Amino acid sequence: MNGDLGLVAQLGFWGALLLGLAVGGAGGAWKGLNVGGATAGLIIRVIGLAASTYVLYTHWLFWQQPDAAEATVVSAERPTDDGPRVLVLRFTTRDGRTIETDHTGPVPQTPTGPIDAGDTIGVRYGDDPSSVTLHSVRGSLIGGVVFGMFSMFALLVGLFFIAQIADTARGPANAPSVAAASSTRALVTRVLTVSSNVTFPAAFAWIMFAPGDQLQTFAVSLRVVAVAGIGYATAAFLTPGGPWTTVMIPLIVGITFAMFSALIRIVS
């Protein structure tokens, strides 16, 4: 049973976090906050994202198997002697057969507790469809995505500190001479800024007044805020001689909101 893949992503991230904070703290004490923050963010990103990538790659490999299927738990009963749960599973094979079979033994946990009737789980059925092995498909997918998002956020924080270092090094005394922006570049910058100014309140108006499912409405609002944030970041990037932090702050906001919107789409 491959029920612990989500745990691999979780342990990878927390291990990366501890190592990143330790090394980043030492670097910060030696070279300053910006160096320490950049080091910590990059370490967390590399190790945490590697663990998440492994989990998601394993999840993808599972679905490449010719005997892989997603089963619905028809019932989940625990014997009176406190033995393992007995699951009744129903799934459809690749050749179109509907199979209903029992499974007794260890079962993966769901985010809300033990697996129960109505939940779905991955199975591999081999030559005998009545005998299956379990795979926590949803748990591995969500675990890989969630902790991959955390690792990506750590990367963005690390890049923010790198931007701080670049701005400090450039400083007033070392600031290069900056040519005025071309008319086209200035026009694009104004259009992006005005569009983002309009998009931000539109996102909040949508979440308050849009009909339909509240969670999906919220996800759409997150995507709209992400577009606005990336618009602001692009406008700041096109501004000649602007500080890098004015690019990174809205970029972090935009990418973070986009990741949370994608997460909602996966889990709903």
C-alpha atoms as a PDB file:
ATOM      1  CA  MET A   1       0.000   0.000   0.000  1.00  0.00           C
ATOM      2  CA  ASN A   2       1.411   3.366  -1.026  1.00  0.00           C
ATOM      3  CA  GLY A   3      -0.436   5.359   1.613  1.00  0.00           C
ATOM      4  CA  ASP A   4       2.564   7.221   3.008  1.00  0.00           C
ATOM      5  CA  LEU A   5       3.563   9.242  -0.055  1.00  0.00           C
ATOM      6  CA  GLY A   6       1.884  12.380   1.284  1.00  0.00           C
ATOM      7  CA  LEU A   7       3.930  11.886   4.457  1.00  0.00           C
ATOM      8  CA  VAL A   8       7.128  11.794   2.363  1.00  0.00           C
ATOM      9  CA  ALA A   9       6.365  15.274   1.018  1.00  0.00           C
ATOM     10  CA  GLN A  10       5.527  16.497   4.525  1.00  0.00           C
ATOM     11  CA  LEU A  11       8.689  15.123   6.115  1.00  0.00           C
ATOM     12  CA  GLY A  12      10.788  16.432   3.226  1.00  0.00           C
ATOM     13  CA  PHE A  13       9.419  19.924   3.706  1.00  0.00           C
ATOM     14  CA  TRP A  14       9.801  19.987   7.500  1.00  0.00           C
ATOM     15  CA  GLY A  15      13.318  18.587   7.240  1.00  0.00           C
ATOM     16  CA  ALA A  16      14.171  21.249   4.662  1.00  0.00           C
ATOM     17  CA  LEU A  17      12.629  23.905   6.908  1.00  0.00           C
ATOM     18  CA  LEU A  18      14.756  22.901   9.907  1.00  0.00           C
ATOM     19  CA  LEU A  19      17.946  22.689   7.826  1.00  0.00           C
ATOM     20  CA  GLY A  20      17.168  25.956   6.050  1.00  0.00           C
ATOM     21  CA  LEU A  21      16.528  27.805   9.311  1.00  0.00           C
ATOM     22  CA  ALA A  22      19.720  26.405  10.869  1.00  0.00           C
ATOM     23  CA  VAL A  23      21.980  27.226   7.920  1.00  0.00           C
ATOM     24  CA  GLY A  24      20.158  30.481   7.163  1.00  0.00           C
ATOM     25  CA  GLY A  25      20.416  31.536  10.813  1.00  0.00           C
ATOM     26  CA  ALA A  26      24.156  30.905  10.779  1.00  0.00           C
ATOM     27  CA  GLY A  27      24.492  32.797   7.501  1.00  0.00           C
ATOM     28  CA  GLY A  28      22.410  35.649   8.887  1.00  0.00           C
ATOM     29  CA  ALA A  29      24.585  35.910  11.984  1.00  0.00           C
ATOM     30  CA  TRP A  30      27.672  35.980   9.773  1.00  0.00           C
ATOM     31  CA  LYS A  31      26.612  38.092   6.790  1.00  0.00           C
ATOM     32  CA  GLY A  32      23.347  39.753   7.784  1.00  0.00           C
ATOM     33  CA  LEU A  33      19.590  39.163   7.567  1.00  0.00           C
ATOM     34  CA  ASN A  34      19.307  39.322   3.780  1.00  0.00           C
ATOM     35  CA  VAL A  35      21.982  36.668   3.201  1.00  0.00           C
ATOM     36  CA  GLY A  36      20.469  34.441   5.889  1.00  0.00           C
ATOM     37  CA  GLY A  37      16.952  34.795   4.503  1.00  0.00           C
ATOM     38  CA  ALA A  38      18.056  34.104   0.940  1.00  0.00           C
ATOM     39  CA  THR A  39      20.029  31.027   2.009  1.00  0.00           C
ATOM     40  CA  ALA A  40      17.173  29.614   4.086  1.00  0.00           C
ATOM     41  CA  GLY A  41      14.613  30.161   1.338  1.00  0.00           C
ATOM     42  CA  LEU A  42      16.739  28.483  -1.332  1.00  0.00           C
ATOM     43  CA  ILE A  43      17.572  25.461   0.856  1.00  0.00           C
ATOM     44  CA  ILE A  44      13.915  24.932   1.746  1.00  0.00           C
ATOM     45  CA  ARG A  45      12.964  25.278  -1.894  1.00  0.00           C
ATOM     46  CA  VAL A  46      15.507  22.788  -3.246  1.00  0.00           C
ATOM     47  CA  ILE A  47      14.951  20.007  -0.696  1.00  0.00           C
ATOM     48  CA  GLY A  48      11.212  20.531  -0.167  1.00  0.00           C
ATOM     49  CA  LEU A  49      10.453  20.773  -3.860  1.00  0.00           C
ATOM     50  CA  ALA A  50      12.561  17.683  -4.573  1.00  0.00           C
ATOM     51  CA  ALA A  51      10.460  15.671  -2.084  1.00  0.00           C
ATOM     52  CA  SER A  52       7.203  17.006  -3.538  1.00  0.00           C
ATOM     53  CA  THR A  53       8.379  16.325  -7.080  1.00  0.00           C
ATOM     54  CA  TYR A  54       9.190  12.724  -6.136  1.00  0.00           C
ATOM     55  CA  VAL A  55       5.719  12.259  -4.631  1.00  0.00           C
ATOM     56  CA  LEU A  56       3.944  13.761  -7.652  1.00  0.00           C
ATOM     57  CA  TYR A  57       6.105  11.735 -10.047  1.00  0.00           C
ATOM     58  CA  THR A  58       5.198   8.544  -8.148  1.00  0.00           C
ATOM     59  CA  HIS A  59       1.539   9.586  -8.303  1.00  0.00           C
ATOM     60  CA  TRP A  60       1.863  10.031 -12.076  1.00  0.00           C
ATOM     61  CA  LEU A  61       3.592   6.641 -12.431  1.00  0.00           C
ATOM     62  CA  PHE A  62       0.708   4.960 -10.601  1.00  0.00           C
ATOM     63  CA  TRP A  63      -1.764   6.107 -13.236  1.00  0.00           C
ATOM     64  CA  GLN A  64       0.485   4.816 -16.037  1.00  0.00           C
ATOM     65  CA  GLN A  65       0.006   1.243 -14.810  1.00  0.00           C
ATOM     66  CA  PRO A  66      -2.458  -0.778 -16.920  1.00  0.00           C
ATOM     67  CA  ASP A  67      -4.083  -2.245 -13.800  1.00  0.00           C
ATOM     68  CA  ALA A  68      -4.566   1.032 -11.900  1.00  0.00           C
ATOM     69  CA  ALA A  69      -8.067   2.286 -11.122  1.00  0.00           C
ATOM     70  CA  GLU A  70      -9.897   4.583  -8.754  1.00  0.00           C
ATOM     71  CA  ALA A  71     -12.248   2.697  -6.441  1.00  0.00           C
ATOM     72  CA  THR A  72     -15.197   3.947  -4.409  1.00  0.00           C
ATOM     73  CA  VAL A  73     -15.524   2.683  -0.849  1.00  0.00           C
ATOM     74  CA  VAL A  74     -18.990   1.128  -0.653  1.00  0.00           C
ATOM     75  CA  SER A  75     -18.688   0.334   3.063  1.00  0.00           C
ATOM     76  CA  ALA A  76     -16.004   0.294   5.745  1.00  0.00           C
ATOM     77  CA  GLU A  77     -16.680  -1.938   8.743  1.00  0.00           C
ATOM     78  CA  ARG A  78     -14.505  -2.660  11.764  1.00  0.00           C
ATOM     79  CA  PRO A  79     -14.881  -6.135  13.308  1.00  0.00           C
ATOM     80  CA  THR A  80     -16.002  -6.390  16.928  1.00  0.00           C
ATOM     81  CA  ASP A  81     -12.589  -7.794  17.926  1.00  0.00           C
ATOM     82  CA  ASP A  82     -10.858  -4.506  16.949  1.00  0.00           C
ATOM     83  CA  GLY A  83      -9.274  -6.106  13.909  1.00  0.00           C
ATOM     84  CA  PRO A  84      -8.469  -4.215  10.705  1.00  0.00           C
ATOM     85  CA  ARG A  85     -11.241  -2.559   8.767  1.00  0.00           C
ATOM     86  CA  VAL A  86     -13.009  -4.519   6.069  1.00  0.00           C
ATOM     87  CA  LEU A  87     -13.546  -2.361   2.987  1.00  0.00           C
ATOM     88  CA  VAL A  88     -16.002  -3.117   0.244  1.00  0.00           C
ATOM     89  CA  LEU A  89     -14.625  -1.492  -2.912  1.00  0.00           C
ATOM     90  CA  ARG A  90     -16.184  -0.913  -6.310  1.00  0.00           C
ATOM     91  CA  PHE A  91     -14.155   0.066  -9.368  1.00  0.00           C
ATOM     92  CA  THR A  92     -14.112  -0.248 -13.129  1.00  0.00           C
ATOM     93  CA  THR A  93     -11.205  -1.975 -14.865  1.00  0.00           C
ATOM     94  CA  ARG A  94      -9.538  -0.599 -17.975  1.00  0.00           C
ATOM     95  CA  ASP A  95     -11.510  -3.031 -20.130  1.00  0.00           C
ATOM     96  CA  GLY A  96     -14.839  -1.792 -18.747  1.00  0.00           C
ATOM     97  CA  ARG A  97     -15.669  -4.443 -16.133  1.00  0.00           C
ATOM     98  CA  THR A  98     -17.238  -3.273 -12.855  1.00  0.00           C
ATOM     99  CA  ILE A  99     -15.700  -5.113  -9.898  1.00  0.00           C
ATOM    100  CA  GLU A 100     -16.879  -5.160  -6.288  1.00  0.00           C
ATOM    101  CA  THR A 101     -14.507  -6.796  -3.843  1.00  0.00           C
ATOM    102  CA  ASP A 102     -13.508  -6.895  -0.170  1.00  0.00           C
ATOM    103  CA  HIS A 103     -10.187  -5.714   1.222  1.00  0.00           C
ATOM    104  CA  THR A 104      -8.992  -6.522   4.725  1.00  0.00           C
ATOM    105  CA  GLY A 105      -5.819  -5.019   6.102  1.00  0.00           C
ATOM    106  CA  PRO A 106      -4.129  -1.659   6.724  1.00  0.00           C
ATOM    107  CA  VAL A 107      -5.839   1.265   5.038  1.00  0.00           C
ATOM    108  CA  PRO A 108      -4.594   4.845   4.489  1.00  0.00           C
ATOM    109  CA  GLN A 109      -5.946   7.766   6.454  1.00  0.00           C
ATOM    110  CA  THR A 110      -7.824  10.673   4.901  1.00  0.00           C
ATOM    111  CA  PRO A 111      -7.424  14.313   6.025  1.00  0.00           C
ATOM    112  CA  THR A 112     -10.615  13.894   8.096  1.00  0.00           C
ATOM    113  CA  GLY A 113      -9.748  10.522   9.656  1.00  0.00           C
ATOM    114  CA  PRO A 114     -10.031   6.844   8.715  1.00  0.00           C
ATOM    115  CA  ILE A 115     -11.297   6.073   5.248  1.00  0.00           C
ATOM    116  CA  ASP A 116     -15.058   5.612   5.150  1.00  0.00           C
ATOM    117  CA  ALA A 117     -17.954   4.854   2.814  1.00  0.00           C
ATOM    118  CA  GLY A 118     -18.122   7.299  -0.082  1.00  0.00           C
ATOM    119  CA  ASP A 119     -14.373   8.022  -0.125  1.00  0.00           C
ATOM    120  CA  THR A 120     -12.251   7.155  -3.152  1.00  0.00           C
ATOM    121  CA  ILE A 121      -8.924   5.359  -3.210  1.00  0.00           C
ATOM    122  CA  GLY A 122      -6.530   4.108  -5.854  1.00  0.00           C
ATOM    123  CA  VAL A 123      -6.244   0.362  -6.409  1.00  0.00           C
ATOM    124  CA  ARG A 124      -4.117  -2.012  -8.465  1.00  0.00           C
ATOM    125  CA  TYR A 125      -5.861  -5.247  -9.283  1.00  0.00           C
ATOM    126  CA  GLY A 126      -3.367  -7.383 -11.234  1.00  0.00           C
ATOM    127  CA  ASP A 127      -4.530 -10.564 -12.949  1.00  0.00           C
ATOM    128  CA  ASP A 128      -7.180 -11.194 -10.288  1.00  0.00           C
ATOM    129  CA  PRO A 129      -9.415  -8.112  -9.957  1.00  0.00           C
ATOM    130  CA  SER A 130     -10.902  -9.484  -6.723  1.00  0.00           C
ATOM    131  CA  SER A 131      -7.514  -9.066  -4.998  1.00  0.00           C
ATOM    132  CA  VAL A 132      -6.302  -5.458  -4.866  1.00  0.00           C
ATOM    133  CA  THR A 133      -3.549  -3.365  -3.329  1.00  0.00           C
ATOM    134  CA  LEU A 134      -4.360   0.158  -2.177  1.00  0.00           C
ATOM    135  CA  HIS A 135      -2.787   3.459  -3.130  1.00  0.00           C
ATOM    136  CA  SER A 136      -3.694   6.743  -1.420  1.00  0.00           C
ATOM    137  CA  VAL A 137      -4.030   8.609  -4.703  1.00  0.00           C
ATOM    138  CA  ARG A 138      -5.740  11.683  -3.306  1.00  0.00           C
ATOM    139  CA  GLY A 139      -3.467  11.867  -0.263  1.00  0.00           C
ATOM    140  CA  SER A 140      -0.291  11.699  -2.345  1.00  0.00           C
ATOM    141  CA  LEU A 141      -1.593  14.276  -4.830  1.00  0.00           C
ATOM    142  CA  ILE A 142      -2.682  16.755  -2.156  1.00  0.00           C
ATOM    143  CA  GLY A 143       0.442  16.173  -0.052  1.00  0.00           C
ATOM    144  CA  GLY A 144       2.736  16.693  -3.033  1.00  0.00           C
ATOM    145  CA  VAL A 145       0.908  19.823  -4.184  1.00  0.00           C
ATOM    146  CA  VAL A 146       0.521  21.443  -0.739  1.00  0.00           C
ATOM    147  CA  PHE A 147       4.116  20.991   0.384  1.00  0.00           C
ATOM    148  CA  GLY A 148       5.345  21.828  -3.091  1.00  0.00           C
ATOM    149  CA  MET A 149       3.470  25.122  -2.710  1.00  0.00           C
ATOM    150  CA  PHE A 150       5.123  25.754   0.644  1.00  0.00           C
ATOM    151  CA  SER A 151       8.519  25.093  -0.926  1.00  0.00           C
ATOM    152  CA  MET A 152       7.735  27.418  -3.815  1.00  0.00           C
ATOM    153  CA  PHE A 153       6.725  30.140  -1.352  1.00  0.00           C
ATOM    154  CA  ALA A 154      10.074  29.652   0.419  1.00  0.00           C
ATOM    155  CA  LEU A 155      11.777  30.179  -2.956  1.00  0.00           C
ATOM    156  CA  LEU A 156       9.887  33.428  -3.455  1.00  0.00           C
ATOM    157  CA  VAL A 157      10.915  34.626   0.011  1.00  0.00           C
ATOM    158  CA  GLY A 158      14.516  33.727  -0.794  1.00  0.00           C
ATOM    159  CA  LEU A 159      14.310  35.692  -4.055  1.00  0.00           C
ATOM    160  CA  PHE A 160      12.891  38.655  -2.131  1.00  0.00           C
ATOM    161  CA  PHE A 161      15.971  38.694   0.106  1.00  0.00           C
ATOM    162  CA  ILE A 162      18.189  38.411  -2.967  1.00  0.00           C
ATOM    163  CA  ALA A 163      16.348  41.449  -4.362  1.00  0.00           C
ATOM    164  CA  GLN A 164      17.087  43.277  -1.117  1.00  0.00           C
ATOM    165  CA  ILE A 165      20.769  42.435  -1.478  1.00  0.00           C
ATOM    166  CA  ALA A 166      20.757  43.668  -5.086  1.00  0.00           C
ATOM    167  CA  ASP A 167      19.029  46.939  -4.122  1.00  0.00           C
ATOM    168  CA  THR A 168      21.471  47.502  -1.260  1.00  0.00           C
ATOM    169  CA  ALA A 169      24.464  46.828  -3.491  1.00  0.00           C
ATOM    170  CA  ARG A 170      23.101  49.174  -6.139  1.00  0.00           C
ATOM    171  CA  GLY A 171      22.435  51.917  -3.538  1.00  0.00           C
ATOM    172  CA  PRO A 172      22.387  55.652  -4.308  1.00  0.00           C
ATOM    173  CA  ALA A 173      26.168  55.824  -4.547  1.00  0.00           C
ATOM    174  CA  ASN A 174      26.361  52.922  -7.029  1.00  0.00           C
ATOM    175  CA  ALA A 175      23.145  53.586  -8.921  1.00  0.00           C
ATOM    176  CA  PRO A 176      23.724  53.339 -12.673  1.00  0.00           C
ATOM    177  CA  SER A 177      22.547  56.082 -14.937  1.00  0.00           C
ATOM    178  CA  VAL A 178      19.057  55.209 -16.168  1.00  0.00           C
ATOM    179  CA  ALA A 179      17.750  56.236 -19.539  1.00  0.00           C
ATOM    180  CA  ALA A 180      14.165  57.380 -19.785  1.00  0.00           C
ATOM    181  CA  ALA A 181      11.697  54.690 -20.775  1.00  0.00           C
ATOM    182  CA  SER A 182      10.608  54.632 -24.400  1.00  0.00           C
ATOM    183  CA  SER A 183       7.102  55.849 -25.150  1.00  0.00           C
ATOM    184  CA  THR A 184       5.907  52.300 -25.845  1.00  0.00           C
ATOM    185  CA  ARG A 185       7.391  50.973 -22.611  1.00  0.00           C
ATOM    186  CA  ALA A 186       5.893  53.842 -20.627  1.00  0.00           C
ATOM    187  CA  LEU A 187       2.488  53.214 -22.222  1.00  0.00           C
ATOM    188  CA  VAL A 188       2.612  49.485 -21.405  1.00  0.00           C
ATOM    189  CA  THR A 189       3.592  50.308 -17.816  1.00  0.00           C
ATOM    190  CA  ARG A 190       0.652  52.708 -17.433  1.00  0.00           C
ATOM    191  CA  VAL A 191      -1.795  50.235 -18.972  1.00  0.00           C
ATOM    192  CA  LEU A 192      -0.615  47.448 -16.654  1.00  0.00           C
ATOM    193  CA  THR A 193      -0.826  49.673 -13.588  1.00  0.00           C
ATOM    194  CA  VAL A 194      -4.317  50.975 -14.400  1.00  0.00           C
ATOM    195  CA  SER A 195      -5.541  47.469 -15.297  1.00  0.00           C
ATOM    196  CA  SER A 196      -4.217  46.056 -12.034  1.00  0.00           C
ATOM    197  CA  ASN A 197      -5.813  48.938 -10.098  1.00  0.00           C
ATOM    198  CA  VAL A 198      -9.170  47.960 -11.615  1.00  0.00           C
ATOM    199  CA  THR A 199      -8.644  44.199 -11.259  1.00  0.00           C
ATOM    200  CA  PHE A 200      -7.996  44.243  -7.506  1.00  0.00           C
ATOM    201  CA  PRO A 201     -11.383  45.716  -6.463  1.00  0.00           C
ATOM    202  CA  ALA A 202     -13.068  43.565  -9.137  1.00  0.00           C
ATOM    203  CA  ALA A 203     -11.796  40.474  -7.320  1.00  0.00           C
ATOM    204  CA  PHE A 204     -13.363  41.584  -4.039  1.00  0.00           C
ATOM    205  CA  ALA A 205     -16.597  42.572  -5.774  1.00  0.00           C
ATOM    206  CA  TRP A 206     -16.759  39.125  -7.381  1.00  0.00           C
ATOM    207  CA  ILE A 207     -16.343  37.287  -4.082  1.00  0.00           C
ATOM    208  CA  MET A 208     -19.107  39.366  -2.480  1.00  0.00           C
ATOM    209  CA  PHE A 209     -21.705  39.385  -5.249  1.00  0.00           C
ATOM    210  CA  ALA A 210     -21.048  36.464  -7.609  1.00  0.00           C
ATOM    211  CA  PRO A 211     -23.644  33.673  -7.570  1.00  0.00           C
ATOM    212  CA  GLY A 212     -22.865  29.979  -7.327  1.00  0.00           C
ATOM    213  CA  ASP A 213     -20.636  27.829  -5.153  1.00  0.00           C
ATOM    214  CA  GLN A 214     -18.801  29.942  -2.565  1.00  0.00           C
ATOM    215  CA  LEU A 215     -15.573  27.940  -2.697  1.00  0.00           C
ATOM    216  CA  GLN A 216     -15.332  28.183  -6.479  1.00  0.00           C
ATOM    217  CA  THR A 217     -16.207  31.888  -6.313  1.00  0.00           C
ATOM    218  CA  PHE A 218     -13.364  32.355  -3.838  1.00  0.00           C
ATOM    219  CA  ALA A 219     -11.002  30.451  -6.151  1.00  0.00           C
ATOM    220  CA  VAL A 220     -11.900  32.719  -9.066  1.00  0.00           C
ATOM    221  CA  SER A 221     -11.249  35.778  -6.888  1.00  0.00           C
ATOM    222  CA  LEU A 222      -7.835  34.402  -5.980  1.00  0.00           C
ATOM    223  CA  ARG A 223      -6.993  33.993  -9.663  1.00  0.00           C
ATOM    224  CA  VAL A 224      -8.088  37.574 -10.379  1.00  0.00           C
ATOM    225  CA  VAL A 225      -5.877  38.885  -7.545  1.00  0.00           C
ATOM    226  CA  ALA A 226      -3.024  36.776  -8.938  1.00  0.00           C
ATOM    227  CA  VAL A 227      -3.427  38.445 -12.336  1.00  0.00           C
ATOM    228  CA  ALA A 228      -3.389  41.878 -10.700  1.00  0.00           C
ATOM    229  CA  GLY A 229      -0.288  41.060  -8.660  1.00  0.00           C
ATOM    230  CA  ILE A 230       1.609  39.807 -11.702  1.00  0.00           C
ATOM    231  CA  GLY A 231       0.478  42.933 -13.592  1.00  0.00           C
ATOM    232  CA  TYR A 232       1.928  45.163 -10.878  1.00  0.00           C
ATOM    233  CA  ALA A 233       5.166  43.142 -10.867  1.00  0.00           C
ATOM    234  CA  THR A 234       5.508  43.442 -14.647  1.00  0.00           C
ATOM    235  CA  ALA A 235       4.874  47.194 -14.496  1.00  0.00           C
ATOM    236  CA  ALA A 236       7.545  47.555 -11.809  1.00  0.00           C
ATOM    237  CA  PHE A 237       9.970  45.467 -13.879  1.00  0.00           C
ATOM    238  CA  LEU A 238       9.437  47.711 -16.904  1.00  0.00           C
ATOM    239  CA  THR A 239      10.110  50.865 -14.875  1.00  0.00           C
ATOM    240  CA  PRO A 240      13.748  51.909 -15.530  1.00  0.00           C
ATOM    241  CA  GLY A 241      15.934  51.958 -12.435  1.00  0.00           C
ATOM    242  CA  GLY A 242      13.193  50.782 -10.070  1.00  0.00           C
ATOM    243  CA  PRO A 243      14.142  48.733  -6.991  1.00  0.00           C
ATOM    244  CA  TRP A 244      13.875  44.957  -7.332  1.00  0.00           C
ATOM    245  CA  THR A 245      11.782  44.699  -4.163  1.00  0.00           C
ATOM    246  CA  THR A 246       8.934  46.552  -5.903  1.00  0.00           C
ATOM    247  CA  VAL A 247       8.952  43.724  -8.442  1.00  0.00           C
ATOM    248  CA  MET A 248       9.197  40.880  -5.922  1.00  0.00           C
ATOM    249  CA  ILE A 249       6.452  41.945  -3.487  1.00  0.00           C
ATOM    250  CA  PRO A 250       3.541  41.917  -5.992  1.00  0.00           C
ATOM    251  CA  LEU A 251       5.077  38.879  -7.732  1.00  0.00           C
ATOM    252  CA  ILE A 252       5.032  36.949  -4.439  1.00  0.00           C
ATOM    253  CA  VAL A 253       1.411  37.976  -3.876  1.00  0.00           C
ATOM    254  CA  GLY A 254       0.395  36.992  -7.404  1.00  0.00           C
ATOM    255  CA  ILE A 255       2.080  33.571  -7.444  1.00  0.00           C
ATOM    256  CA  THR A 256       0.889  32.742  -3.912  1.00  0.00           C
ATOM    257  CA  PHE A 257      -2.742  33.525  -4.743  1.00  0.00           C
ATOM    258  CA  ALA A 258      -2.455  31.531  -7.980  1.00  0.00           C
ATOM    259  CA  MET A 259      -1.124  28.506  -6.075  1.00  0.00           C
ATOM    260  CA  PHE A 260      -3.961  28.617  -3.542  1.00  0.00           C
ATOM    261  CA  SER A 261      -6.481  28.885  -6.363  1.00  0.00           C
ATOM    262  CA  ALA A 262      -4.962  25.792  -7.985  1.00  0.00           C
ATOM    263  CA  LEU A 263      -5.113  23.951  -4.645  1.00  0.00           C
ATOM    264  CA  ILE A 264      -8.825  24.698  -4.287  1.00  0.00           C
ATOM    265  CA  ARG A 265      -9.399  23.325  -7.770  1.00  0.00           C
ATOM    266  CA  ILE A 266      -7.583  20.094  -6.891  1.00  0.00           C
ATOM    267  CA  VAL A 267      -9.292  19.400  -3.566  1.00  0.00           C
ATOM    268  CA  SER A 268     -12.827  20.396  -4.610  1.00  0.00           C
END
